[in-house]
Amino acid sequence: MSAYVIADVTVTDADQMAKYREWSTKAAAEFGATFMVRGGAITVLEGDWKPSRVVILQFPDSETVKKWYAGETYTHARKLRENAGVMRMVMVEGV
């Protein structure tokens, strides 16, 4: 069953976040993830959620997400992201 990582990102340091994106892209490729959404226009249809940048990644399954998140490349990416913004991230199993 596919698993999705959904992130709401608020960027505070664009240069540092660009370094994070470079490494997070490498990490996603290592684990066979596909970017379904990476930024783009947002329209709130209901509720008070006001995301500034949404990213959705599709992975083959939840075990792969866990390996990606704990993996060396994405761990490095997360370190690069420190003080570059605020990340809210969840994993959701899907179809």
PDB file of N, CA and C in Angstrom:
ATOM      1  N   MET A   1       0.843  -1.176   0.000  1.00  0.00           N
ATOM      2  CA  MET A   1       0.000   0.000   0.000  1.00  0.00           C
ATOM      3  C   MET A   1       0.884   1.235   0.000  1.00  0.00           C
ATOM      4  N   SER A   2       0.600   2.169  -0.884  1.00  0.00           N
ATOM      5  CA  SER A   2       1.372   3.405  -0.937  1.00  0.00           C
ATOM      6  C   SER A   2       1.269   4.166   0.374  1.00  0.00           C
ATOM      7  N   ALA A   3       2.300   4.959   0.641  1.00  0.00           N
ATOM      8  CA  ALA A   3       2.300   5.852   1.799  1.00  0.00           C
ATOM      9  C   ALA A   3       2.723   7.225   1.300  1.00  0.00           C
ATOM     10  N   TYR A   4       2.155   8.242   1.920  1.00  0.00           N
ATOM     11  CA  TYR A   4       2.404   9.614   1.502  1.00  0.00           C
ATOM     12  C   TYR A   4       2.974  10.412   2.660  1.00  0.00           C
ATOM     13  N   VAL A   5       3.932  11.251   2.357  1.00  0.00           N
ATOM     14  CA  VAL A   5       4.439  12.226   3.311  1.00  0.00           C
ATOM     15  C   VAL A   5       3.859  13.565   2.890  1.00  0.00           C
ATOM     16  N   ILE A   6       3.174  14.210   3.828  1.00  0.00           N
ATOM     17  CA  ILE A   6       2.583  15.515   3.569  1.00  0.00           C
ATOM     18  C   ILE A   6       3.276  16.504   4.487  1.00  0.00           C
ATOM     19  N   ALA A   7       3.828  17.546   3.904  1.00  0.00           N
ATOM     20  CA  ALA A   7       4.559  18.549   4.674  1.00  0.00           C
ATOM     21  C   ALA A   7       4.007  19.936   4.390  1.00  0.00           C
ATOM     22  N   ASP A   8       3.939  20.715   5.442  1.00  0.00           N
ATOM     23  CA  ASP A   8       3.577  22.133   5.362  1.00  0.00           C
ATOM     24  C   ASP A   8       4.833  22.878   5.797  1.00  0.00           C
ATOM     25  N   VAL A   9       5.413  23.638   4.900  1.00  0.00           N
ATOM     26  CA  VAL A   9       6.716  24.255   5.130  1.00  0.00           C
ATOM     27  C   VAL A   9       6.594  25.779   5.136  1.00  0.00           C
ATOM     28  N   THR A  10       7.152  26.390   6.160  1.00  0.00           N
ATOM     29  CA  THR A  10       7.280  27.843   6.203  1.00  0.00           C
ATOM     30  C   THR A  10       8.763  28.167   6.105  1.00  0.00           C
ATOM     31  N   VAL A  11       9.165  28.835   5.046  1.00  0.00           N
ATOM     32  CA  VAL A  11      10.575  29.132   4.793  1.00  0.00           C
ATOM     33  C   VAL A  11      10.942  30.465   5.448  1.00  0.00           C
ATOM     34  N   THR A  12      12.034  30.447   6.230  1.00  0.00           N
ATOM     35  CA  THR A  12      12.542  31.681   6.834  1.00  0.00           C
ATOM     36  C   THR A  12      13.922  32.052   6.304  1.00  0.00           C
ATOM     37  N   ASP A  13      14.623  31.092   5.703  1.00  0.00           N
ATOM     38  CA  ASP A  13      15.940  31.340   5.113  1.00  0.00           C
ATOM     39  C   ASP A  13      15.980  30.608   3.768  1.00  0.00           C
ATOM     40  N   ALA A  14      15.693  31.331   2.704  1.00  0.00           N
ATOM     41  CA  ALA A  14      15.561  30.724   1.378  1.00  0.00           C
ATOM     42  C   ALA A  14      16.840  30.052   0.900  1.00  0.00           C
ATOM     43  N   ASP A  15      17.997  30.648   1.168  1.00  0.00           N
ATOM     44  CA  ASP A  15      19.259  30.059   0.718  1.00  0.00           C
ATOM     45  C   ASP A  15      19.519  28.724   1.403  1.00  0.00           C
ATOM     46  N   GLN A  16      19.309  28.681   2.696  1.00  0.00           N
ATOM     47  CA  GLN A  16      19.534  27.438   3.433  1.00  0.00           C
ATOM     48  C   GLN A  16      18.493  26.388   3.042  1.00  0.00           C
ATOM     49  N   MET A  17      17.250  26.827   2.824  1.00  0.00           N
ATOM     50  CA  MET A  17      16.209  25.887   2.416  1.00  0.00           C
ATOM     51  C   MET A  17      16.512  25.306   1.045  1.00  0.00           C
ATOM     52  N   ALA A  18      17.160  26.066   0.176  1.00  0.00           N
ATOM     53  CA  ALA A  18      17.548  25.551  -1.142  1.00  0.00           C
ATOM     54  C   ALA A  18      18.537  24.396  -0.994  1.00  0.00           C
ATOM     55  N   LYS A  19      19.447  24.492  -0.037  1.00  0.00           N
ATOM     56  CA  LYS A  19      20.389  23.393   0.232  1.00  0.00           C
ATOM     57  C   LYS A  19      19.637  22.163   0.732  1.00  0.00           C
ATOM     58  N   TYR A  20      18.656  22.395   1.604  1.00  0.00           N
ATOM     59  CA  TYR A  20      17.822  21.295   2.095  1.00  0.00           C
ATOM     60  C   TYR A  20      17.105  20.619   0.928  1.00  0.00           C
ATOM     61  N   ARG A  21      16.495  21.418   0.041  1.00  0.00           N
ATOM     62  CA  ARG A  21      15.757  20.846  -1.087  1.00  0.00           C
ATOM     63  C   ARG A  21      16.657  19.977  -1.959  1.00  0.00           C
ATOM     64  N   GLU A  22      17.897  20.417  -2.170  1.00  0.00           N
ATOM     65  CA  GLU A  22      18.836  19.631  -2.975  1.00  0.00           C
ATOM     66  C   GLU A  22      19.032  18.241  -2.358  1.00  0.00           C
ATOM     67  N   TRP A  23      19.299  18.212  -1.062  1.00  0.00           N
ATOM     68  CA  TRP A  23      19.559  16.941  -0.390  1.00  0.00           C
ATOM     69  C   TRP A  23      18.283  16.124  -0.186  1.00  0.00           C
ATOM     70  N   SER A  24      17.156  16.789   0.068  1.00  0.00           N
ATOM     71  CA  SER A  24      15.911  16.033   0.247  1.00  0.00           C
ATOM     72  C   SER A  24      15.474  15.398  -1.076  1.00  0.00           C
ATOM     73  N   THR A  25      15.782  16.054  -2.182  1.00  0.00           N
ATOM     74  CA  THR A  25      15.485  15.479  -3.495  1.00  0.00           C
ATOM     75  C   THR A  25      16.319  14.217  -3.722  1.00  0.00           C
ATOM     76  N   LYS A  26      17.599  14.273  -3.358  1.00  0.00           N
ATOM     77  CA  LYS A  26      18.467  13.088  -3.463  1.00  0.00           C
ATOM     78  C   LYS A  26      17.920  11.953  -2.607  1.00  0.00           C
ATOM     79  N   ALA A  27      17.513  12.283  -1.389  1.00  0.00           N
ATOM     80  CA  ALA A  27      17.001  11.265  -0.466  1.00  0.00           C
ATOM     81  C   ALA A  27      15.727  10.631  -1.013  1.00  0.00           C
ATOM     82  N   ALA A  28      14.841  11.440  -1.556  1.00  0.00           N
ATOM     83  CA  ALA A  28      13.598  10.915  -2.116  1.00  0.00           C
ATOM     84  C   ALA A  28      13.898   9.944  -3.258  1.00  0.00           C
ATOM     85  N   ALA A  29      14.827  10.311  -4.120  1.00  0.00           N
ATOM     86  CA  ALA A  29      15.185   9.448  -5.255  1.00  0.00           C
ATOM     87  C   ALA A  29      15.764   8.120  -4.772  1.00  0.00           C
ATOM     88  N   GLU A  30      16.570   8.159  -3.715  1.00  0.00           N
ATOM     89  CA  GLU A  30      17.173   6.930  -3.178  1.00  0.00           C
ATOM     90  C   GLU A  30      16.123   5.914  -2.750  1.00  0.00           C
ATOM     91  N   PHE A  31      14.950   6.401  -2.322  1.00  0.00           N
ATOM     92  CA  PHE A  31      13.931   5.511  -1.784  1.00  0.00           C
ATOM     93  C   PHE A  31      12.713   5.385  -2.699  1.00  0.00           C
ATOM     94  N   GLY A  32      12.865   5.783  -3.949  1.00  0.00           N
ATOM     95  CA  GLY A  32      11.813   5.581  -4.932  1.00  0.00           C
ATOM     96  C   GLY A  32      10.585   6.452  -4.729  1.00  0.00           C
ATOM     97  N   ALA A  33      10.744   7.592  -4.075  1.00  0.00           N
ATOM     98  CA  ALA A  33       9.613   8.491  -3.844  1.00  0.00           C
ATOM     99  C   ALA A  33       9.348   9.348  -5.076  1.00  0.00           C
ATOM    100  N   THR A  34       8.108   9.735  -5.232  1.00  0.00           N
ATOM    101  CA  THR A  34       7.688  10.629  -6.300  1.00  0.00           C
ATOM    102  C   THR A  34       7.091  11.883  -5.676  1.00  0.00           C
ATOM    103  N   PHE A  35       7.537  13.046  -6.124  1.00  0.00           N
ATOM    104  CA  PHE A  35       6.932  14.294  -5.671  1.00  0.00           C
ATOM    105  C   PHE A  35       5.610  14.464  -6.404  1.00  0.00           C
ATOM    106  N   MET A  36       4.526  14.451  -5.656  1.00  0.00           N
ATOM    107  CA  MET A  36       3.195  14.649  -6.220  1.00  0.00           C
ATOM    108  C   MET A  36       2.844  16.137  -6.220  1.00  0.00           C
ATOM    109  N   VAL A  37       3.291  16.833  -5.178  1.00  0.00           N
ATOM    110  CA  VAL A  37       3.090  18.275  -5.036  1.00  0.00           C
ATOM    111  C   VAL A  37       4.372  18.833  -4.444  1.00  0.00           C
ATOM    112  N   ARG A  38       4.825  19.948  -4.970  1.00  0.00           N
ATOM    113  CA  ARG A  38       6.015  20.613  -4.433  1.00  0.00           C
ATOM    114  C   ARG A  38       5.824  22.113  -4.614  1.00  0.00           C
ATOM    115  N   GLY A  39       5.095  22.691  -3.670  1.00  0.00           N
ATOM    116  CA  GLY A  39       4.762  24.106  -3.790  1.00  0.00           C
ATOM    117  C   GLY A  39       3.514  24.253  -4.634  1.00  0.00           C
ATOM    118  N   GLY A  40       3.341  25.379  -5.222  1.00  0.00           N
ATOM    119  CA  GLY A  40       2.173  25.614  -6.059  1.00  0.00           C
ATOM    120  C   GLY A  40       1.115  26.419  -5.326  1.00  0.00           C
ATOM    121  N   ALA A  41       0.134  26.848  -6.074  1.00  0.00           N
ATOM    122  CA  ALA A  41      -0.940  27.672  -5.521  1.00  0.00           C
ATOM    123  C   ALA A  41      -1.788  26.858  -4.551  1.00  0.00           C
ATOM    124  N   ILE A  42      -2.188  27.501  -3.458  1.00  0.00           N
ATOM    125  CA  ILE A  42      -2.995  26.859  -2.415  1.00  0.00           C
ATOM    126  C   ILE A  42      -4.313  27.610  -2.294  1.00  0.00           C
ATOM    127  N   THR A  43      -5.401  26.857  -2.268  1.00  0.00           N
ATOM    128  CA  THR A  43      -6.722  27.422  -2.027  1.00  0.00           C
ATOM    129  C   THR A  43      -7.344  26.677  -0.856  1.00  0.00           C
ATOM    130  N   VAL A  44      -7.586  27.372   0.240  1.00  0.00           N
ATOM    131  CA  VAL A  44      -8.229  26.749   1.396  1.00  0.00           C
ATOM    132  C   VAL A  44      -9.720  26.635   1.102  1.00  0.00           C
ATOM    133  N   LEU A  45     -10.236  25.416   1.197  1.00  0.00           N
ATOM    134  CA  LEU A  45     -11.649  25.181   0.923  1.00  0.00           C
ATOM    135  C   LEU A  45     -12.486  25.145   2.203  1.00  0.00           C
ATOM    136  N   GLU A  46     -11.891  24.642   3.291  1.00  0.00           N
ATOM    137  CA  GLU A  46     -12.589  24.588   4.570  1.00  0.00           C
ATOM    138  C   GLU A  46     -11.584  24.712   5.698  1.00  0.00           C
ATOM    139  N   GLY A  47     -12.050  25.195   6.829  1.00  0.00           N
ATOM    140  CA  GLY A  47     -11.222  25.253   8.021  1.00  0.00           C
ATOM    141  C   GLY A  47     -10.293  26.459   8.033  1.00  0.00           C
ATOM    142  N   ASP A  48      -9.436  26.457   9.057  1.00  0.00           N
ATOM    143  CA  ASP A  48      -8.542  27.606   9.256  1.00  0.00           C
ATOM    144  C   ASP A  48      -7.081  27.279   8.985  1.00  0.00           C
ATOM    145  N   TRP A  49      -6.818  26.168   8.310  1.00  0.00           N
ATOM    146  CA  TRP A  49      -5.451  25.799   7.959  1.00  0.00           C
ATOM    147  C   TRP A  49      -4.950  26.769   6.900  1.00  0.00           C
ATOM    148  N   LYS A  50      -3.779  27.354   7.134  1.00  0.00           N
ATOM    149  CA  LYS A  50      -3.202  28.316   6.199  1.00  0.00           C
ATOM    150  C   LYS A  50      -1.764  27.928   5.864  1.00  0.00           C
ATOM    151  N   PRO A  51      -1.596  26.839   5.142  1.00  0.00           N
ATOM    152  CA  PRO A  51      -0.239  26.426   4.799  1.00  0.00           C
ATOM    153  C   PRO A  51       0.424  27.430   3.859  1.00  0.00           C
ATOM    154  N   SER A  52       1.736  27.556   3.992  1.00  0.00           N
ATOM    155  CA  SER A  52       2.436  28.477   3.102  1.00  0.00           C
ATOM    156  C   SER A  52       3.062  27.747   1.913  1.00  0.00           C
ATOM    157  N   ARG A  53       3.481  26.511   2.113  1.00  0.00           N
ATOM    158  CA  ARG A  53       4.062  25.697   1.036  1.00  0.00           C
ATOM    159  C   ARG A  53       3.764  24.239   1.370  1.00  0.00           C
ATOM    160  N   VAL A  54       3.111  23.534   0.477  1.00  0.00           N
ATOM    161  CA  VAL A  54       2.759  22.135   0.710  1.00  0.00           C
ATOM    162  C   VAL A  54       3.594  21.239  -0.200  1.00  0.00           C
ATOM    163  N   VAL A  55       4.096  20.158   0.398  1.00  0.00           N
ATOM    164  CA  VAL A  55       4.843  19.151  -0.354  1.00  0.00           C
ATOM    165  C   VAL A  55       4.192  17.806  -0.063  1.00  0.00           C
ATOM    166  N   ILE A  56       3.942  17.015  -1.109  1.00  0.00           N
ATOM    167  CA  ILE A  56       3.417  15.661  -0.941  1.00  0.00           C
ATOM    168  C   ILE A  56       4.302  14.717  -1.728  1.00  0.00           C
ATOM    169  N   LEU A  57       4.813  13.715  -1.012  1.00  0.00           N
ATOM    170  CA  LEU A  57       5.649  12.676  -1.623  1.00  0.00           C
ATOM    171  C   LEU A  57       4.919  11.348  -1.555  1.00  0.00           C
ATOM    172  N   GLN A  58       4.983  10.583  -2.611  1.00  0.00           N
ATOM    173  CA  GLN A  58       4.415   9.239  -2.612  1.00  0.00           C
ATOM    174  C   GLN A  58       5.559   8.229  -2.532  1.00  0.00           C
ATOM    175  N   PHE A  59       5.443   7.290  -1.584  1.00  0.00           N
ATOM    176  CA  PHE A  59       6.411   6.209  -1.403  1.00  0.00           C
ATOM    177  C   PHE A  59       5.712   4.875  -1.648  1.00  0.00           C
ATOM    178  N   PRO A  60       6.487   3.835  -1.917  1.00  0.00           N
ATOM    179  CA  PRO A  60       5.876   2.520  -2.143  1.00  0.00           C
ATOM    180  C   PRO A  60       5.073   2.006  -0.938  1.00  0.00           C
ATOM    181  N   ASP A  61       5.548   2.296   0.281  1.00  0.00           N
ATOM    182  CA  ASP A  61       4.867   1.815   1.487  1.00  0.00           C
ATOM    183  C   ASP A  61       5.405   2.548   2.710  1.00  0.00           C
ATOM    184  N   SER A  62       4.776   2.328   3.860  1.00  0.00           N
ATOM    185  CA  SER A  62       5.160   3.055   5.073  1.00  0.00           C
ATOM    186  C   SER A  62       6.539   2.650   5.592  1.00  0.00           C
ATOM    187  N   GLU A  63       6.934   1.413   5.384  1.00  0.00           N
ATOM    188  CA  GLU A  63       8.275   1.001   5.823  1.00  0.00           C
ATOM    189  C   GLU A  63       9.352   1.762   5.057  1.00  0.00           C
ATOM    190  N   THR A  64       9.120   2.026   3.795  1.00  0.00           N
ATOM    191  CA  THR A  64      10.074   2.798   3.000  1.00  0.00           C
ATOM    192  C   THR A  64      10.153   4.233   3.502  1.00  0.00           C
ATOM    193  N   VAL A  65       9.012   4.801   3.904  1.00  0.00           N
ATOM    194  CA  VAL A  65       9.024   6.156   4.466  1.00  0.00           C
ATOM    195  C   VAL A  65       9.902   6.190   5.709  1.00  0.00           C
ATOM    196  N   LYS A  66       9.744   5.212   6.571  1.00  0.00           N
ATOM    197  CA  LYS A  66      10.523   5.170   7.819  1.00  0.00           C
ATOM    198  C   LYS A  66      12.021   5.049   7.525  1.00  0.00           C
ATOM    199  N   LYS A  67      12.369   4.237   6.540  1.00  0.00           N
ATOM    200  CA  LYS A  67      13.781   4.083   6.163  1.00  0.00           C
ATOM    201  C   LYS A  67      14.320   5.383   5.554  1.00  0.00           C
ATOM    202  N   TRP A  68      13.522   6.037   4.713  1.00  0.00           N
ATOM    203  CA  TRP A  68      13.908   7.328   4.120  1.00  0.00           C
ATOM    204  C   TRP A  68      14.164   8.354   5.210  1.00  0.00           C
ATOM    205  N   TYR A  69      13.220   8.474   6.155  1.00  0.00           N
ATOM    206  CA  TYR A  69      13.322   9.491   7.192  1.00  0.00           C
ATOM    207  C   TYR A  69      14.549   9.277   8.075  1.00  0.00           C
ATOM    208  N   ALA A  70      14.873   8.032   8.369  1.00  0.00           N
ATOM    209  CA  ALA A  70      16.019   7.719   9.225  1.00  0.00           C
ATOM    210  C   ALA A  70      17.322   7.576   8.436  1.00  0.00           C
ATOM    211  N   GLY A  71      17.233   7.582   7.120  1.00  0.00           N
ATOM    212  CA  GLY A  71      18.405   7.361   6.279  1.00  0.00           C
ATOM    213  C   GLY A  71      19.440   8.479   6.371  1.00  0.00           C
ATOM    214  N   GLU A  72      20.638   8.145   5.982  1.00  0.00           N
ATOM    215  CA  GLU A  72      21.775   9.070   6.065  1.00  0.00           C
ATOM    216  C   GLU A  72      21.559  10.340   5.238  1.00  0.00           C
ATOM    217  N   THR A  73      21.044  10.195   4.028  1.00  0.00           N
ATOM    218  CA  THR A  73      20.893  11.363   3.156  1.00  0.00           C
ATOM    219  C   THR A  73      19.836  12.323   3.684  1.00  0.00           C
ATOM    220  N   TYR A  74      18.684  11.780   4.120  1.00  0.00           N
ATOM    221  CA  TYR A  74      17.650  12.679   4.621  1.00  0.00           C
ATOM    222  C   TYR A  74      18.010  13.249   5.994  1.00  0.00           C
ATOM    223  N   THR A  75      18.748  12.498   6.796  1.00  0.00           N
ATOM    224  CA  THR A  75      19.232  13.039   8.071  1.00  0.00           C
ATOM    225  C   THR A  75      20.120  14.247   7.811  1.00  0.00           C
ATOM    226  N   HIS A  76      20.975  14.148   6.807  1.00  0.00           N
ATOM    227  CA  HIS A  76      21.823  15.288   6.424  1.00  0.00           C
ATOM    228  C   HIS A  76      20.960  16.463   5.959  1.00  0.00           C
ATOM    229  N   ALA A  77      19.943  16.166   5.158  1.00  0.00           N
ATOM    230  CA  ALA A  77      19.045  17.226   4.676  1.00  0.00           C
ATOM    231  C   ALA A  77      18.376  17.935   5.849  1.00  0.00           C
ATOM    232  N   ARG A  78      17.909  17.171   6.830  1.00  0.00           N
ATOM    233  CA  ARG A  78      17.245  17.778   7.993  1.00  0.00           C
ATOM    234  C   ARG A  78      18.195  18.689   8.754  1.00  0.00           C
ATOM    235  N   LYS A  79      19.452  18.296   8.857  1.00  0.00           N
ATOM    236  CA  LYS A  79      20.434  19.154   9.538  1.00  0.00           C
ATOM    237  C   LYS A  79      20.632  20.463   8.771  1.00  0.00           C
ATOM    238  N   LEU A  80      20.634  20.388   7.442  1.00  0.00           N
ATOM    239  CA  LEU A  80      20.765  21.600   6.631  1.00  0.00           C
ATOM    240  C   LEU A  80      19.559  22.516   6.799  1.00  0.00           C
ATOM    241  N   ARG A  81      18.415  21.922   7.098  1.00  0.00           N
ATOM    242  CA  ARG A  81      17.167  22.689   7.225  1.00  0.00           C
ATOM    243  C   ARG A  81      17.050  23.433   8.559  1.00  0.00           C
ATOM    244  N   GLU A  82      17.847  23.065   9.546  1.00  0.00           N
ATOM    245  CA  GLU A  82      17.782  23.714  10.858  1.00  0.00           C
ATOM    246  C   GLU A  82      17.911  25.228  10.685  1.00  0.00           C
ATOM    247  N   ASN A  83      17.016  25.966  11.315  1.00  0.00           N
ATOM    248  CA  ASN A  83      16.974  27.434  11.273  1.00  0.00           C
ATOM    249  C   ASN A  83      16.647  27.999   9.896  1.00  0.00           C
ATOM    250  N   ALA A  84      16.185  27.147   8.979  1.00  0.00           N
ATOM    251  CA  ALA A  84      15.818  27.620   7.645  1.00  0.00           C
ATOM    252  C   ALA A  84      14.312  27.740   7.476  1.00  0.00           C
ATOM    253  N   GLY A  85      13.581  27.250   8.469  1.00  0.00           N
ATOM    254  CA  GLY A  85      12.133  27.316   8.375  1.00  0.00           C
ATOM    255  C   GLY A  85      11.472  26.416   9.389  1.00  0.00           C
ATOM    256  N   VAL A  86      10.174  26.314   9.251  1.00  0.00           N
ATOM    257  CA  VAL A  86       9.369  25.462  10.132  1.00  0.00           C
ATOM    258  C   VAL A  86       8.757  24.368   9.276  1.00  0.00           C
ATOM    259  N   MET A  87       8.916  23.120   9.727  1.00  0.00           N
ATOM    260  CA  MET A  87       8.406  21.967   8.995  1.00  0.00           C
ATOM    261  C   MET A  87       7.350  21.267   9.840  1.00  0.00           C
ATOM    262  N   ARG A  88       6.189  21.035   9.247  1.00  0.00           N
ATOM    263  CA  ARG A  88       5.160  20.203   9.838  1.00  0.00           C
ATOM    264  C   ARG A  88       4.981  19.047   8.857  1.00  0.00           C
ATOM    265  N   MET A  89       5.126  17.802   9.340  1.00  0.00           N
ATOM    266  CA  MET A  89       5.163  16.669   8.421  1.00  0.00           C
ATOM    267  C   MET A  89       4.435  15.484   9.030  1.00  0.00           C
ATOM    268  N   VAL A  90       3.640  14.803   8.191  1.00  0.00           N
ATOM    269  CA  VAL A  90       2.970  13.580   8.610  1.00  0.00           C
ATOM    270  C   VAL A  90       3.131  12.519   7.515  1.00  0.00           C
ATOM    271  N   MET A  91       2.970  11.267   7.926  1.00  0.00           N
ATOM    272  CA  MET A  91       2.905  10.163   6.978  1.00  0.00           C
ATOM    273  C   MET A  91       1.484   9.626   7.020  1.00  0.00           C
ATOM    274  N   VAL A  92       0.933   9.365   5.839  1.00  0.00           N
ATOM    275  CA  VAL A  92      -0.427   8.826   5.730  1.00  0.00           C
ATOM    276  C   VAL A  92      -0.388   7.642   4.781  1.00  0.00           C
ATOM    277  N   GLU A  93      -0.960   6.515   5.224  1.00  0.00           N
ATOM    278  CA  GLU A  93      -1.070   5.380   4.319  1.00  0.00           C
ATOM    279  C   GLU A  93      -2.255   5.613   3.389  1.00  0.00           C
ATOM    280  N   GLY A  94      -2.104   5.212   2.145  1.00  0.00           N
ATOM    281  CA  GLY A  94      -3.160   5.465   1.173  1.00  0.00           C
ATOM    282  C   GLY A  94      -3.316   4.312   0.201  1.00  0.00           C
ATOM    283  N   VAL A  95      -3.905   4.615  -0.917  1.00  0.00           N
ATOM    284  CA  VAL A  95      -4.150   3.577  -1.914  1.00  0.00           C
ATOM    285  C   VAL A  95      -3.169   3.698  -3.061  1.00  0.00           C
TER     286      VAL A  95
END
